[in-house]
Protein backbone atom coordinates (compact mmCIF):
# COMPACT_ATOMS: atom_id res chain seq x y z
CA MET A 1 -132.22 -15.32 5.07
CA PHE A 2 -130.93 -13.95 8.37
CA GLU A 3 -131.10 -15.95 11.55
CA ASN A 4 -133.23 -14.46 14.28
CA THR A 5 -130.99 -13.92 17.27
CA MET A 6 -133.22 -11.41 19.18
CA ASN A 7 -134.67 -14.05 21.50
CA GLU A 8 -131.39 -15.87 22.23
CA LYS A 9 -130.13 -15.69 25.77
CA PRO A 10 -126.55 -14.28 26.20
CA LYS A 11 -124.04 -16.84 27.04
CA GLU A 12 -122.96 -16.82 30.70
CA LYS A 13 -119.34 -16.00 31.39
CA LYS A 14 -117.39 -18.53 33.40
CA PRO A 15 -115.87 -17.07 36.61
CA GLU A 16 -112.22 -16.40 36.24
CA THR A 17 -109.95 -18.64 38.32
CA LYS A 18 -107.16 -16.76 40.07
CA LEU A 19 -104.03 -18.55 41.09
CA ALA A 20 -102.42 -17.89 44.42
CA TYR A 21 -99.39 -16.17 42.97
CA GLN A 22 -101.55 -13.72 40.95
CA GLU A 23 -102.53 -12.00 44.15
CA VAL A 24 -98.90 -11.09 44.89
CA LYS A 25 -97.72 -8.01 43.12
CA LYS A 26 -94.15 -8.14 42.11
CA PRO A 27 -92.12 -4.96 42.72
CA GLU A 28 -91.48 -3.10 39.52
CA THR A 29 -87.81 -3.05 38.59
CA SER A 30 -85.86 -1.38 35.90
CA ASP A 31 -82.34 -1.38 34.55
CA PHE A 32 -81.72 1.71 36.71
CA ASP A 33 -82.21 -0.37 39.86
CA LYS A 34 -79.01 -2.39 39.21
CA TYR A 35 -76.93 0.60 40.45
CA PHE A 36 -78.20 0.43 44.03
CA LYS A 37 -77.17 -1.69 46.98
CA GLN A 38 -79.97 -3.96 48.17
CA ASP A 39 -78.56 -5.34 51.36
CA ASP A 40 -79.99 -3.81 54.56
CA LYS A 41 -77.17 -4.71 56.87
CA PRO A 42 -73.37 -4.37 56.28
CA LYS A 43 -71.63 -7.77 56.09
CA ALA A 44 -68.39 -6.49 57.69
CA PHE A 45 -66.65 -3.26 58.61
CA VAL A 46 -63.33 -1.45 58.60
CA THR A 47 -61.60 -0.88 61.94
CA LEU A 48 -58.71 1.49 62.57
CA LEU A 49 -56.64 0.95 65.72
CA PHE A 50 -53.99 3.50 66.61
CA GLY A 51 -51.75 4.15 69.53
CA ASP A 52 -48.14 3.99 70.90
CA ALA A 53 -45.91 0.91 70.49
CA ALA A 54 -47.01 -2.17 72.38
CA CYS A 55 -50.45 -0.90 73.16
CA GLY A 56 -52.22 -3.97 71.77
CA LYS A 57 -53.00 -3.00 68.09
CA THR A 58 -51.83 -6.23 66.57
CA PHE A 59 -53.19 -8.27 69.43
CA THR A 60 -56.65 -6.70 69.07
CA GLY A 61 -56.60 -7.24 65.32
CA MET A 62 -55.87 -10.91 65.84
CA THR A 63 -59.06 -11.37 67.88
CA PHE A 64 -61.15 -10.82 64.71
CA PRO A 65 -62.68 -13.74 62.73
CA GLU A 66 -60.38 -16.21 61.15
CA PRO A 67 -58.83 -16.97 58.75
CA ILE A 68 -56.71 -13.91 59.34
CA TYR A 69 -54.31 -12.50 56.74
CA VAL A 70 -51.67 -10.01 57.95
CA ILE A 71 -49.70 -7.58 55.79
CA ASP A 72 -46.83 -7.15 58.31
CA THR A 73 -44.53 -4.25 57.53
CA GLU A 74 -42.92 -4.36 60.90
CA ASN A 75 -41.91 -8.01 60.95
CA ARG A 76 -43.34 -8.52 64.43
CA ALA A 77 -46.75 -10.13 63.90
CA ILE A 78 -45.20 -13.54 64.23
CA ASN A 79 -44.41 -12.88 67.90
CA THR A 80 -48.05 -11.92 68.75
CA LYS A 81 -49.33 -15.01 66.89
CA TYR A 82 -46.86 -17.42 68.56
CA TYR A 83 -47.32 -16.24 72.13
CA ASN A 84 -51.09 -15.49 72.03
CA PHE A 85 -52.78 -17.13 69.08
CA LYS A 86 -50.86 -20.26 68.26
CA ASP A 87 -53.95 -22.28 67.49
CA LYS A 88 -55.69 -19.67 65.38
CA ASP A 89 -55.59 -19.68 61.59
CA ILE A 90 -53.33 -16.66 60.94
CA LYS A 91 -51.24 -16.23 57.76
CA ILE A 92 -48.54 -13.58 57.78
CA PHE A 93 -47.18 -11.84 54.68
CA GLU A 94 -43.96 -9.81 55.17
CA PRO A 95 -43.64 -7.61 52.05
CA VAL A 96 -40.51 -5.51 52.99
CA GLN A 97 -37.66 -6.08 50.57
CA LEU A 98 -33.97 -5.03 50.89
CA LYS A 99 -31.73 -4.07 48.02
CA ALA A 100 -29.58 -6.84 46.58
CA ASP A 101 -26.89 -4.47 45.33
CA PHE A 102 -25.23 -1.49 47.05
CA ASP A 103 -25.75 1.82 45.27
CA THR A 104 -23.18 4.54 46.07
CA THR A 105 -25.68 7.22 45.05
CA ASP A 106 -28.30 5.91 47.44
CA SER A 107 -27.52 4.86 50.97
CA ASP A 108 -31.00 3.50 51.67
CA ALA A 109 -30.91 -0.32 52.06
CA LEU A 110 -34.71 -0.60 51.59
CA ASP A 111 -35.90 -1.51 48.09
CA THR A 112 -39.06 0.67 48.12
CA HIS A 113 -40.15 -0.23 44.58
CA SER A 114 -40.06 -3.99 45.18
CA THR A 115 -41.82 -3.55 48.59
CA ILE A 116 -44.66 -1.39 47.14
CA ASN A 117 -45.03 -3.79 44.17
CA ASN A 118 -45.13 -6.69 46.64
CA ILE A 119 -47.95 -5.06 48.63
CA ALA A 120 -49.93 -3.97 45.63
CA LYS A 121 -49.72 -7.38 43.98
CA PHE A 122 -50.75 -9.11 47.25
CA VAL A 123 -53.79 -6.86 47.73
CA ILE A 124 -54.94 -7.41 44.14
CA ASP A 125 -54.44 -11.19 44.41
CA PHE A 126 -56.28 -11.27 47.78
CA ALA A 127 -59.18 -9.31 46.23
CA LYS A 128 -59.32 -11.79 43.38
CA GLN A 129 -59.48 -14.75 45.85
CA VAL A 130 -62.40 -13.05 47.66
CA LYS A 131 -64.34 -12.04 44.57
CA SER A 132 -63.97 -15.55 43.03
CA GLY A 133 -65.35 -17.08 46.24
CA LYS A 134 -62.18 -18.93 47.20
CA ILE A 135 -62.01 -16.84 50.36
CA LYS A 136 -65.51 -16.51 51.78
CA LYS A 137 -64.85 -15.11 55.29
CA GLY A 138 -62.15 -13.82 57.56
CA THR A 139 -60.05 -10.71 58.22
CA ILE A 140 -57.17 -8.90 56.64
CA ILE A 141 -54.91 -6.72 58.89
CA VAL A 142 -52.69 -4.00 57.51
CA ASP A 143 -50.00 -3.59 60.11
CA THR A 144 -49.23 -0.75 59.78
CA THR A 145 -50.77 1.98 57.63
CA THR A 146 -48.03 4.23 59.00
CA ASP A 147 -45.45 2.28 57.12
CA ILE A 148 -47.60 1.97 54.00
CA TRP A 149 -47.84 5.77 53.83
CA SER A 150 -44.07 6.19 54.41
CA LEU A 151 -43.33 3.67 51.62
CA CYS A 152 -45.71 5.40 49.23
CA GLN A 153 -43.98 8.71 49.90
CA ASP A 154 -40.55 7.20 49.35
CA TRP A 155 -41.69 5.43 46.19
CA GLY A 156 -43.31 8.66 44.86
CA ILE A 157 -40.25 10.83 45.47
CA HIS A 158 -37.95 8.44 43.63
CA GLU A 159 -40.46 8.29 40.78
CA LEU A 160 -40.91 12.02 40.54
CA ALA A 161 -37.18 12.56 40.59
CA LYS A 162 -37.06 11.00 37.17
CA TYR A 163 -39.08 13.86 35.67
CA MET A 164 -38.40 17.60 35.14
CA ASN A 165 -40.44 20.68 35.78
CA LYS A 166 -40.78 23.37 33.00
CA ASP A 167 -37.93 25.35 34.57
CA GLY A 168 -35.54 22.40 34.21
CA THR A 169 -35.48 21.33 37.85
CA LYS A 170 -36.40 17.84 39.04
CA LYS A 171 -39.90 17.30 40.37
CA ALA A 172 -38.49 15.77 43.60
CA ASP A 173 -35.33 15.84 45.63
CA LYS A 174 -34.08 12.37 46.65
CA VAL A 175 -31.53 13.75 49.03
CA LEU A 176 -33.90 15.97 50.99
CA MET A 177 -36.83 13.61 50.32
CA LYS A 178 -39.08 16.45 49.22
CA VAL A 179 -41.65 16.92 46.46
CA LYS A 180 -41.27 20.37 44.95
CA ASN A 181 -44.70 20.86 43.39
CA GLN A 182 -47.76 20.40 45.59
CA MET A 183 -49.74 19.13 42.63
CA ASP A 184 -47.46 16.14 42.20
CA TRP A 185 -48.61 14.70 45.53
CA GLY A 186 -51.61 13.46 43.60
CA MET A 187 -49.58 10.59 42.26
CA ILE A 188 -48.49 9.49 45.75
CA ASN A 189 -51.98 9.76 47.20
CA LYS A 190 -53.34 7.75 44.28
CA LYS A 191 -50.86 4.90 44.90
CA HIS A 192 -51.82 4.87 48.60
CA PHE A 193 -55.53 4.76 47.83
CA GLU A 194 -55.07 2.02 45.33
CA ILE A 195 -53.71 -0.18 48.07
CA LEU A 196 -56.06 0.60 50.95
CA GLY A 197 -59.11 1.56 48.93
CA ILE A 198 -59.31 -1.89 47.22
CA LEU A 199 -59.41 -3.54 50.62
CA ARG A 200 -62.41 -1.46 51.78
CA THR A 201 -64.46 -2.80 48.85
CA LEU A 202 -64.09 -6.30 50.30
CA ILE A 203 -66.39 -5.67 53.31
CA LYS A 204 -69.40 -6.25 51.07
CA TYR A 205 -68.16 -9.81 50.69
CA GLY A 206 -68.03 -10.26 54.50
CA ILE A 207 -64.28 -9.71 54.96
CA TYR A 208 -63.31 -7.60 58.01
CA ILE A 209 -60.51 -5.04 57.48
CA VAL A 210 -58.27 -3.90 60.31
CA PHE A 211 -55.85 -0.95 59.78
CA THR A 212 -53.26 -0.21 62.50
CA ALA A 213 -51.38 3.07 62.83
CA ARG A 214 -48.82 4.54 65.24
CA GLU A 215 -49.74 7.60 67.27
CA LYS A 216 -48.43 10.99 66.36
CA ASN A 217 -46.74 13.18 68.97
CA ILE A 218 -48.57 16.55 68.84
CA PRO A 219 -46.19 19.43 69.24
CA ASP A 220 -46.57 21.74 72.25
CA TYR A 221 -47.65 24.73 70.12
CA ALA A 222 -50.60 22.71 68.79
CA LYS A 223 -51.73 21.19 72.13
CA GLU A 224 -53.85 24.18 72.99
CA LYS A 225 -56.20 23.59 70.10
CA THR A 226 -58.60 20.64 69.88
CA ALA A 227 -56.66 17.93 68.07
CA THR A 228 -58.60 15.98 65.43
CA VAL A 229 -58.16 12.32 64.60
CA LYS A 230 -55.93 13.27 61.70
CA ASP A 231 -53.68 15.23 64.08
CA LYS A 232 -53.22 12.13 66.30
CA ILE A 233 -52.54 9.42 63.67
CA ARG A 234 -49.35 8.92 61.82
CA SER A 235 -50.83 7.88 58.45
CA GLN A 236 -52.18 9.41 55.26
CA LYS A 237 -54.82 11.94 55.97
CA ASP A 238 -57.69 9.95 54.46
CA VAL A 239 -57.15 6.74 56.41
CA PRO A 240 -59.63 7.74 59.21
CA PHE A 241 -62.32 8.31 56.47
CA LEU A 242 -61.80 4.76 55.17
CA ALA A 243 -62.56 3.34 58.62
CA ASP A 244 -66.07 2.65 60.04
CA VAL A 245 -64.79 2.19 63.56
CA ILE A 246 -61.74 3.92 65.21
CA PHE A 247 -60.23 3.07 68.55
CA HIS A 248 -57.37 4.84 70.36
CA LEU A 249 -55.49 2.17 72.34
CA LYS A 250 -53.42 2.73 75.50
CA LYS A 251 -51.24 0.68 77.70
CA VAL A 252 -51.44 1.66 81.38
CA GLN A 253 -48.73 0.28 83.70
CA SER A 254 -49.35 0.23 87.48
CA GLU A 255 -47.32 -1.24 90.34
CA ASP A 256 -49.00 -4.67 90.19
CA LYS A 257 -50.72 -4.85 86.77
CA THR A 258 -50.56 -3.87 83.12
CA ARG A 259 -53.88 -2.88 81.60
CA TYR A 260 -54.88 -2.24 77.99
CA TRP A 261 -57.69 0.29 77.29
CA GLY A 262 -59.52 1.34 74.19
CA ASN A 263 -61.24 4.68 73.62
CA CYS A 264 -63.81 4.69 70.80
CA ILE A 265 -63.43 7.71 68.58
CA LYS A 266 -65.80 6.63 65.77
CA LEU A 267 -68.54 3.97 65.69
CA SER A 268 -69.96 3.65 62.16
CA GLY A 269 -71.88 6.92 62.26
CA LYS A 270 -73.32 6.40 65.69
CA SER A 271 -72.52 7.96 69.05
CA PRO A 272 -69.38 6.23 70.47
CA PRO A 273 -69.40 5.21 74.11
CA SER A 274 -67.77 7.67 76.60
CA ASP A 275 -66.26 4.96 78.79
CA TYR A 276 -62.87 3.29 78.13
CA ILE A 277 -63.05 -0.43 77.24
CA GLU A 278 -60.54 -2.77 78.87
CA SER A 279 -58.95 -5.58 76.79
CA LEU A 280 -60.66 -4.59 73.60
CA ASN A 281 -61.42 -7.41 71.16
CA PHE A 282 -63.65 -8.17 68.14
CA GLU A 283 -66.65 -9.41 70.26
CA LYS A 284 -66.72 -6.20 72.22
CA ILE A 285 -66.57 -4.05 69.05
CA ASP A 286 -69.26 -6.15 67.35
CA LYS A 287 -71.52 -5.94 70.38
CA LEU A 288 -71.17 -2.15 70.51
CA LEU A 289 -72.36 -1.97 66.92
CA GLU A 290 -75.29 -4.33 67.61
CA ASP A 291 -76.33 -2.57 70.79
CA LYS A 292 -76.35 0.83 69.18
């Protein structure tokens, strides 16, 4: 009734055929990995150039890769472009707006609200152009962050003057241009960061960012101490932290020649060179980063 299988030979198993791709183990990934940056090398960097007037800040910024977009609060970038970079793709945006009507209660001719709105809208529109892929490369120059900070303070004081403290006094004095409560500075700092902070995010798309700032005159009573970068720069205190590379620029006039020097203060977390660099430009900055 039952078949006898005791004497049957076991069937031989065929050798498994392995494909080439089966030898390569794929790295295990999870949903958690999406939070982390995968690129090994930064695509661009933020540079801060500070110094006295006519020391070469705008000129140095315009040596960066084109197309170059300039937020020009000083209305002087056109001169640098015309006399030095006429054939380079440089687009200049002048955001400063004047008041259309005279206000007897406010002698300031500058329309701070319109100017700040102009700058904020431009930065957002520029970021959209980059993130959509319409702008794939280039540089944006903020010339100057000194003016951006002044405008943000002016804007904030006028805004805070509309509101009252618990004791019935206004939060800010438009005549003395002072904020009465230290906590209210948060609104002004936030507005400033919204403008410059958005730009920093664009370096991951390969857009170079250049901030310029005027130099601060250190009072005599403070010269004995070691001045920090924040002490030397006329800008919001966090601007140096937004920059990967910082250079202090100087113009030196001798009897027969004018020279422009750059002293590196910060070099993307690496040791900056001790020597001054003459006629600083993008290629020299980029080479410093590569050599290091």
